[in-house]
Every structure is written in C-alpha cells, then in structure tokens.
Amino acid sequence: MDTAFRWVNLEILGNTDGFLHAHVWPRFEWEPIDLVSKPVRLYPHDGWTDEQFALGPQHDALRQAIGDELDGLRSAN
C-alpha cells in the first residue's frame, strides 16, 4: 500500500445509462495541491491517455480479486 494514501473518493453517476455506476478513486498525498481536493476528472487529459498509467496484465490479479469480492457480495444477498 502506498504510505501516502489519503482517502477514497466515491463518485456515483447516472450519465446516459439506465442505471447508476460508481467510480472509486484513491487519493494520495503526492497529488498536486490544486487538484487533490477536486474531482479526479479535472486532471489534465494526458494523465488519462499516457501509457505509463494504463491498466494492463500487471493488474489482472487485483481486477480478479475485486470481481470475486463483488460476486461474493452479490450472492450473499
């Protein structure tokens, strides 16, 4: 875990879909002071498109663990 972890922002949207969806954004001490307290979507566009920040195979285990946890919560209800 990143020792600079601050908190988690939850963002629940409706957008154009007929259902809600959520974004979970970890926030960190190393984020720019002018952005850390604002919505993540305000980050510069290149931060969303730069390959160094892209999801990839290195995230497969985490993605699977999150999916398994969510499936377990769904089946518990």
PDB file of N, CA and C in Angstrom:
ATOM      1  N   MET A   1       0.843  -1.184   0.000  1.00  0.00           N
ATOM      2  CA  MET A   1       0.000   0.000   0.000  1.00  0.00           C
ATOM      3  C   MET A   1       0.884   1.242   0.000  1.00  0.00           C
ATOM      4  N   ASP A   2       0.458   2.232  -0.712  1.00  0.00           N
ATOM      5  CA  ASP A   2       1.176   3.498  -0.781  1.00  0.00           C
ATOM      6  C   ASP A   2       1.024   4.215   0.559  1.00  0.00           C
ATOM      7  N   THR A   3       2.119   4.530   1.200  1.00  0.00           N
ATOM      8  CA  THR A   3       2.071   5.196   2.509  1.00  0.00           C
ATOM      9  C   THR A   3       1.545   6.621   2.419  1.00  0.00           C
ATOM     10  N   ALA A   4       1.437   7.150   1.204  1.00  0.00           N
ATOM     11  CA  ALA A   4       0.913   8.498   1.017  1.00  0.00           C
ATOM     12  C   ALA A   4      -0.606   8.493   0.789  1.00  0.00           C
ATOM     13  N   PHE A   5      -1.248   7.351   0.955  1.00  0.00           N
ATOM     14  CA  PHE A   5      -2.695   7.253   0.774  1.00  0.00           C
ATOM     15  C   PHE A   5      -3.397   8.219   1.721  1.00  0.00           C
ATOM     16  N   ARG A   6      -4.373   8.976   1.193  1.00  0.00           N
ATOM     17  CA  ARG A   6      -5.117   9.959   1.991  1.00  0.00           C
ATOM     18  C   ARG A   6      -6.525   9.487   2.302  1.00  0.00           C
ATOM     19  N   TRP A   7      -7.302   9.201   1.259  1.00  0.00           N
ATOM     20  CA  TRP A   7      -8.695   8.811   1.395  1.00  0.00           C
ATOM     21  C   TRP A   7      -9.177   8.237   0.072  1.00  0.00           C
ATOM     22  N   VAL A   8     -10.443   7.890   0.028  1.00  0.00           N
ATOM     23  CA  VAL A   8     -11.062   7.399  -1.202  1.00  0.00           C
ATOM     24  C   VAL A   8     -12.228   8.312  -1.549  1.00  0.00           C
ATOM     25  N   ASN A   9     -12.281   8.735  -2.784  1.00  0.00           N
ATOM     26  CA  ASN A   9     -13.445   9.478  -3.286  1.00  0.00           C
ATOM     27  C   ASN A   9     -14.367   8.479  -3.975  1.00  0.00           C
ATOM     28  N   LEU A  10     -15.648   8.560  -3.682  1.00  0.00           N
ATOM     29  CA  LEU A  10     -16.657   7.757  -4.370  1.00  0.00           C
ATOM     30  C   LEU A  10     -17.478   8.691  -5.236  1.00  0.00           C
ATOM     31  N   GLU A  11     -17.682   8.299  -6.473  1.00  0.00           N
ATOM     32  CA  GLU A  11     -18.431   9.120  -7.404  1.00  0.00           C
ATOM     33  C   GLU A  11     -19.497   8.218  -8.037  1.00  0.00           C
ATOM     34  N   ILE A  12     -20.756   8.526  -7.830  1.00  0.00           N
ATOM     35  CA  ILE A  12     -21.847   7.720  -8.369  1.00  0.00           C
ATOM     36  C   ILE A  12     -22.582   8.562  -9.404  1.00  0.00           C
ATOM     37  N   LEU A  13     -22.680   8.007 -10.597  1.00  0.00           N
ATOM     38  CA  LEU A  13     -23.223   8.749 -11.725  1.00  0.00           C
ATOM     39  C   LEU A  13     -24.374   7.998 -12.379  1.00  0.00           C
ATOM     40  N   GLY A  14     -25.204   8.726 -13.078  1.00  0.00           N
ATOM     41  CA  GLY A  14     -26.271   8.130 -13.855  1.00  0.00           C
ATOM     42  C   GLY A  14     -25.954   8.204 -15.342  1.00  0.00           C
ATOM     43  N   ASN A  15     -25.348   9.297 -15.740  1.00  0.00           N
ATOM     44  CA  ASN A  15     -24.998   9.546 -17.134  1.00  0.00           C
ATOM     45  C   ASN A  15     -26.145   9.224 -18.070  1.00  0.00           C
ATOM     46  N   THR A  16     -25.873   8.590 -19.173  1.00  0.00           N
ATOM     47  CA  THR A  16     -26.909   8.272 -20.155  1.00  0.00           C
ATOM     48  C   THR A  16     -27.425   6.845 -20.017  1.00  0.00           C
ATOM     49  N   ASP A  17     -26.842   6.062 -19.129  1.00  0.00           N
ATOM     50  CA  ASP A  17     -27.288   4.693 -18.903  1.00  0.00           C
ATOM     51  C   ASP A  17     -28.509   4.686 -18.006  1.00  0.00           C
ATOM     52  N   GLY A  18     -29.286   3.623 -18.093  1.00  0.00           N
ATOM     53  CA  GLY A  18     -30.483   3.492 -17.267  1.00  0.00           C
ATOM     54  C   GLY A  18     -30.188   2.932 -15.896  1.00  0.00           C
ATOM     55  N   PHE A  19     -28.947   3.026 -15.460  1.00  0.00           N
ATOM     56  CA  PHE A  19     -28.551   2.521 -14.149  1.00  0.00           C
ATOM     57  C   PHE A  19     -27.401   3.376 -13.617  1.00  0.00           C
ATOM     58  N   LEU A  20     -27.213   3.309 -12.327  1.00  0.00           N
ATOM     59  CA  LEU A  20     -26.098   4.035 -11.720  1.00  0.00           C
ATOM     60  C   LEU A  20     -24.819   3.234 -11.880  1.00  0.00           C
ATOM     61  N   HIS A  21     -23.728   3.923 -11.985  1.00  0.00           N
ATOM     62  CA  HIS A  21     -22.424   3.264 -11.904  1.00  0.00           C
ATOM     63  C   HIS A  21     -21.529   4.123 -11.020  1.00  0.00           C
ATOM     64  N   ALA A  22     -20.521   3.499 -10.466  1.00  0.00           N
ATOM     65  CA  ALA A  22     -19.682   4.191  -9.494  1.00  0.00           C
ATOM     66  C   ALA A  22     -18.213   4.142  -9.888  1.00  0.00           C
ATOM     67  N   HIS A  23     -17.503   5.164  -9.482  1.00  0.00           N
ATOM     68  CA  HIS A  23     -16.051   5.233  -9.616  1.00  0.00           C
ATOM     69  C   HIS A  23     -15.482   5.315  -8.210  1.00  0.00           C
ATOM     70  N   VAL A  24     -14.427   4.577  -7.972  1.00  0.00           N
ATOM     71  CA  VAL A  24     -13.732   4.602  -6.686  1.00  0.00           C
ATOM     72  C   VAL A  24     -12.328   5.112  -6.971  1.00  0.00           C
ATOM     73  N   TRP A  25     -12.012   6.269  -6.411  1.00  0.00           N
ATOM     74  CA  TRP A  25     -10.737   6.926  -6.688  1.00  0.00           C
ATOM     75  C   TRP A  25      -9.905   7.036  -5.416  1.00  0.00           C
ATOM     76  N   PRO A  26      -8.798   6.305  -5.310  1.00  0.00           N
ATOM     77  CA  PRO A  26      -7.900   6.537  -4.177  1.00  0.00           C
ATOM     78  C   PRO A  26      -7.226   7.895  -4.360  1.00  0.00           C
ATOM     79  N   ARG A  27      -7.025   8.589  -3.282  1.00  0.00           N
ATOM     80  CA  ARG A  27      -6.356   9.893  -3.327  1.00  0.00           C
ATOM     81  C   ARG A  27      -5.097   9.829  -2.464  1.00  0.00           C
ATOM     82  N   PHE A  28      -4.050  10.557  -2.882  1.00  0.00           N
ATOM     83  CA  PHE A  28      -2.732  10.426  -2.276  1.00  0.00           C
ATOM     84  C   PHE A  28      -2.128  11.784  -1.923  1.00  0.00           C
ATOM     85  N   GLU A  29      -1.241  11.763  -0.948  1.00  0.00           N
ATOM     86  CA  GLU A  29      -0.533  12.973  -0.510  1.00  0.00           C
ATOM     87  C   GLU A  29       0.302  13.582  -1.626  1.00  0.00           C
ATOM     88  N   TRP A  30       0.790  12.774  -2.549  1.00  0.00           N
ATOM     89  CA  TRP A  30       1.668  13.279  -3.606  1.00  0.00           C
ATOM     90  C   TRP A  30       0.911  13.953  -4.750  1.00  0.00           C
ATOM     91  N   GLU A  31      -0.412  13.979  -4.704  1.00  0.00           N
ATOM     92  CA  GLU A  31      -1.164  14.653  -5.760  1.00  0.00           C
ATOM     93  C   GLU A  31      -0.962  16.165  -5.657  1.00  0.00           C
ATOM     94  N   PRO A  32      -1.021  16.854  -6.791  1.00  0.00           N
ATOM     95  CA  PRO A  32      -0.865  18.314  -6.767  1.00  0.00           C
ATOM     96  C   PRO A  32      -1.899  18.963  -5.843  1.00  0.00           C
ATOM     97  N   ILE A  33      -1.474  19.893  -5.044  1.00  0.00           N
ATOM     98  CA  ILE A  33      -2.328  20.534  -4.046  1.00  0.00           C
ATOM     99  C   ILE A  33      -3.559  21.191  -4.678  1.00  0.00           C
ATOM    100  N   ASP A  34      -3.416  21.692  -5.908  1.00  0.00           N
ATOM    101  CA  ASP A  34      -4.544  22.347  -6.558  1.00  0.00           C
ATOM    102  C   ASP A  34      -5.566  21.356  -7.123  1.00  0.00           C
ATOM    103  N   LEU A  35      -5.238  20.053  -7.116  1.00  0.00           N
ATOM    104  CA  LEU A  35      -6.157  19.044  -7.644  1.00  0.00           C
ATOM    105  C   LEU A  35      -6.658  18.042  -6.608  1.00  0.00           C
ATOM    106  N   VAL A  36      -5.917  17.848  -5.546  1.00  0.00           N
ATOM    107  CA  VAL A  36      -6.225  16.757  -4.626  1.00  0.00           C
ATOM    108  C   VAL A  36      -7.596  16.869  -3.969  1.00  0.00           C
ATOM    109  N   SER A  37      -8.109  18.047  -3.822  1.00  0.00           N
ATOM    110  CA  SER A  37      -9.422  18.194  -3.190  1.00  0.00           C
ATOM    111  C   SER A  37     -10.551  18.353  -4.206  1.00  0.00           C
ATOM    112  N   LYS A  38     -10.227  18.206  -5.480  1.00  0.00           N
ATOM    113  CA  LYS A  38     -11.218  18.372  -6.548  1.00  0.00           C
ATOM    114  C   LYS A  38     -11.513  17.022  -7.208  1.00  0.00           C
ATOM    115  N   PRO A  39     -12.553  16.955  -8.031  1.00  0.00           N
ATOM    116  CA  PRO A  39     -12.862  15.702  -8.732  1.00  0.00           C
ATOM    117  C   PRO A  39     -11.703  15.242  -9.614  1.00  0.00           C
ATOM    118  N   VAL A  40     -11.481  13.959  -9.657  1.00  0.00           N
ATOM    119  CA  VAL A  40     -10.389  13.384 -10.437  1.00  0.00           C
ATOM    120  C   VAL A  40     -10.513  13.729 -11.920  1.00  0.00           C
ATOM    121  N   ARG A  41     -11.727  13.886 -12.409  1.00  0.00           N
ATOM    122  CA  ARG A  41     -11.921  14.181 -13.836  1.00  0.00           C
ATOM    123  C   ARG A  41     -11.285  15.510 -14.253  1.00  0.00           C
ATOM    124  N   LEU A  42     -10.883  16.348 -13.284  1.00  0.00           N
ATOM    125  CA  LEU A  42     -10.251  17.625 -13.613  1.00  0.00           C
ATOM    126  C   LEU A  42      -8.752  17.508 -13.889  1.00  0.00           C
ATOM    127  N   TYR A  43      -8.196  16.310 -13.718  1.00  0.00           N
ATOM    128  CA  TYR A  43      -6.785  16.111 -14.054  1.00  0.00           C
ATOM    129  C   TYR A  43      -6.581  16.360 -15.544  1.00  0.00           C
ATOM    130  N   PRO A  44      -5.386  16.794 -15.942  1.00  0.00           N
ATOM    131  CA  PRO A  44      -5.113  17.048 -17.359  1.00  0.00           C
ATOM    132  C   PRO A  44      -5.351  15.793 -18.221  1.00  0.00           C
ATOM    133  N   HIS A  45      -5.786  16.004 -19.444  1.00  0.00           N
ATOM    134  CA  HIS A  45      -6.121  14.916 -20.360  1.00  0.00           C
ATOM    135  C   HIS A  45      -4.979  13.923 -20.555  1.00  0.00           C
ATOM    136  N   ASP A  46      -3.725  14.402 -20.620  1.00  0.00           N
ATOM    137  CA  ASP A  46      -2.609  13.483 -20.866  1.00  0.00           C
ATOM    138  C   ASP A  46      -2.447  12.453 -19.752  1.00  0.00           C
ATOM    139  N   GLY A  47      -2.911  12.757 -18.553  1.00  0.00           N
ATOM    140  CA  GLY A  47      -2.870  11.775 -17.470  1.00  0.00           C
ATOM    141  C   GLY A  47      -3.815  10.607 -17.699  1.00  0.00           C
ATOM    142  N   TRP A  48      -4.830  10.812 -18.506  1.00  0.00           N
ATOM    143  CA  TRP A  48      -5.795   9.750 -18.815  1.00  0.00           C
ATOM    144  C   TRP A  48      -5.359   8.930 -20.023  1.00  0.00           C
ATOM    145  N   THR A  49      -4.463   9.466 -20.838  1.00  0.00           N
ATOM    146  CA  THR A  49      -4.095   8.796 -22.079  1.00  0.00           C
ATOM    147  C   THR A  49      -2.651   8.305 -22.113  1.00  0.00           C
ATOM    148  N   ASP A  50      -1.826   8.690 -21.169  1.00  0.00           N
ATOM    149  CA  ASP A  50      -0.422   8.292 -21.129  1.00  0.00           C
ATOM    150  C   ASP A  50      -0.315   6.801 -20.817  1.00  0.00           C
ATOM    151  N   GLU A  51       0.416   6.066 -21.652  1.00  0.00           N
ATOM    152  CA  GLU A  51       0.562   4.613 -21.497  1.00  0.00           C
ATOM    153  C   GLU A  51       1.116   4.198 -20.131  1.00  0.00           C
ATOM    154  N   GLN A  52       1.940   5.039 -19.517  1.00  0.00           N
ATOM    155  CA  GLN A  52       2.515   4.650 -18.221  1.00  0.00           C
ATOM    156  C   GLN A  52       1.453   4.488 -17.138  1.00  0.00           C
ATOM    157  N   PHE A  53       0.270   5.055 -17.346  1.00  0.00           N
ATOM    158  CA  PHE A  53      -0.805   4.958 -16.367  1.00  0.00           C
ATOM    159  C   PHE A  53      -1.872   3.942 -16.767  1.00  0.00           C
ATOM    160  N   ALA A  54      -1.695   3.273 -17.889  1.00  0.00           N
ATOM    161  CA  ALA A  54      -2.721   2.373 -18.419  1.00  0.00           C
ATOM    162  C   ALA A  54      -2.815   1.080 -17.607  1.00  0.00           C
ATOM    163  N   LEU A  55      -4.033   0.560 -17.529  1.00  0.00           N
ATOM    164  CA  LEU A  55      -4.220  -0.758 -16.952  1.00  0.00           C
ATOM    165  C   LEU A  55      -3.623  -1.793 -17.888  1.00  0.00           C
ATOM    166  N   GLY A  56      -3.127  -2.865 -17.322  1.00  0.00           N
ATOM    167  CA  GLY A  56      -2.534  -3.912 -18.141  1.00  0.00           C
ATOM    168  C   GLY A  56      -2.492  -5.223 -17.376  1.00  0.00           C
ATOM    169  N   PRO A  57      -1.788  -6.210 -17.902  1.00  0.00           N
ATOM    170  CA  PRO A  57      -1.728  -7.523 -17.277  1.00  0.00           C
ATOM    171  C   PRO A  57      -1.216  -7.491 -15.830  1.00  0.00           C
ATOM    172  N   GLN A  58      -0.426  -6.500 -15.499  1.00  0.00           N
ATOM    173  CA  GLN A  58       0.077  -6.394 -14.124  1.00  0.00           C
ATOM    174  C   GLN A  58      -1.054  -6.147 -13.124  1.00  0.00           C
ATOM    175  N   HIS A  59      -2.223  -5.772 -13.611  1.00  0.00           N
ATOM    176  CA  HIS A  59      -3.374  -5.504 -12.742  1.00  0.00           C
ATOM    177  C   HIS A  59      -4.383  -6.657 -12.722  1.00  0.00           C
ATOM    178  N   ASP A  60      -4.103  -7.747 -13.453  1.00  0.00           N
ATOM    179  CA  ASP A  60      -5.062  -8.846 -13.568  1.00  0.00           C
ATOM    180  C   ASP A  60      -5.440  -9.445 -12.215  1.00  0.00           C
ATOM    181  N   ALA A  61      -4.478  -9.676 -11.344  1.00  0.00           N
ATOM    182  CA  ALA A  61      -4.775 -10.290 -10.044  1.00  0.00           C
ATOM    183  C   ALA A  61      -5.664  -9.379  -9.201  1.00  0.00           C
ATOM    184  N   LEU A  62      -5.385  -8.098  -9.200  1.00  0.00           N
ATOM    185  CA  LEU A  62      -6.210  -7.156  -8.448  1.00  0.00           C
ATOM    186  C   LEU A  62      -7.616  -7.089  -9.040  1.00  0.00           C
ATOM    187  N   ARG A  63      -7.710  -7.031 -10.358  1.00  0.00           N
ATOM    188  CA  ARG A  63      -9.014  -6.993 -11.026  1.00  0.00           C
ATOM    189  C   ARG A  63      -9.831  -8.238 -10.680  1.00  0.00           C
ATOM    190  N   GLN A  64      -9.181  -9.401 -10.677  1.00  0.00           N
ATOM    191  CA  GLN A  64      -9.856 -10.649 -10.335  1.00  0.00           C
ATOM    192  C   GLN A  64     -10.316 -10.645  -8.879  1.00  0.00           C
ATOM    193  N   ALA A  65      -9.464 -10.175  -7.980  1.00  0.00           N
ATOM    194  CA  ALA A  65      -9.821 -10.128  -6.554  1.00  0.00           C
ATOM    195  C   ALA A  65     -11.017  -9.214  -6.312  1.00  0.00           C
ATOM    196  N   ILE A  66     -11.046  -8.075  -6.973  1.00  0.00           N
ATOM    197  CA  ILE A  66     -12.180  -7.155  -6.825  1.00  0.00           C
ATOM    198  C   ILE A  66     -13.451  -7.806  -7.363  1.00  0.00           C
ATOM    199  N   GLY A  67     -13.365  -8.426  -8.533  1.00  0.00           N
ATOM    200  CA  GLY A  67     -14.517  -9.105  -9.112  1.00  0.00           C
ATOM    201  C   GLY A  67     -15.031 -10.229  -8.224  1.00  0.00           C
ATOM    202  N   ASP A  68     -14.117 -11.007  -7.670  1.00  0.00           N
ATOM    203  CA  ASP A  68     -14.510 -12.098  -6.771  1.00  0.00           C
ATOM    204  C   ASP A  68     -15.223 -11.570  -5.535  1.00  0.00           C
ATOM    205  N   GLU A  69     -14.713 -10.489  -4.981  1.00  0.00           N
ATOM    206  CA  GLU A  69     -15.335  -9.892  -3.793  1.00  0.00           C
ATOM    207  C   GLU A  69     -16.732  -9.375  -4.114  1.00  0.00           C
ATOM    208  N   LEU A  70     -16.865  -8.702  -5.234  1.00  0.00           N
ATOM    209  CA  LEU A  70     -18.182  -8.194  -5.634  1.00  0.00           C
ATOM    210  C   LEU A  70     -19.159  -9.336  -5.918  1.00  0.00           C
ATOM    211  N   ASP A  71     -18.686 -10.409  -6.561  1.00  0.00           N
ATOM    212  CA  ASP A  71     -19.543 -11.567  -6.799  1.00  0.00           C
ATOM    213  C   ASP A  71     -19.994 -12.187  -5.495  1.00  0.00           C
ATOM    214  N   GLY A  72     -19.087 -12.249  -4.510  1.00  0.00           N
ATOM    215  CA  GLY A  72     -19.442 -12.786  -3.206  1.00  0.00           C
ATOM    216  C   GLY A  72     -20.491 -11.948  -2.493  1.00  0.00           C
ATOM    217  N   LEU A  73     -20.380 -10.652  -2.614  1.00  0.00           N
ATOM    218  CA  LEU A  73     -21.383  -9.752  -2.010  1.00  0.00           C
ATOM    219  C   LEU A  73     -22.728  -9.921  -2.689  1.00  0.00           C
ATOM    220  N   ARG A  74     -22.710 -10.080  -3.984  1.00  0.00           N
ATOM    221  CA  ARG A  74     -23.969 -10.242  -4.730  1.00  0.00           C
ATOM    222  C   ARG A  74     -24.671 -11.543  -4.350  1.00  0.00           C
ATOM    223  N   SER A  75     -23.904 -12.623  -4.231  1.00  0.00           N
ATOM    224  CA  SER A  75     -24.513 -13.909  -3.902  1.00  0.00           C
ATOM    225  C   SER A  75     -24.943 -13.983  -2.444  1.00  0.00           C
ATOM    226  N   ALA A  76     -24.400 -13.113  -1.596  1.00  0.00           N
ATOM    227  CA  ALA A  76     -24.779 -13.090  -0.173  1.00  0.00           C
ATOM    228  C   ALA A  76     -26.151 -12.449   0.014  1.00  0.00           C
ATOM    229  N   ASN A  77     -26.600 -11.707  -0.961  1.00  0.00           N
ATOM    230  CA  ASN A  77     -27.897 -11.033  -0.862  1.00  0.00           C
ATOM    231  C   ASN A  77     -28.918 -11.929  -1.471  1.00  0.00           C
TER     232      ASN A  77
END
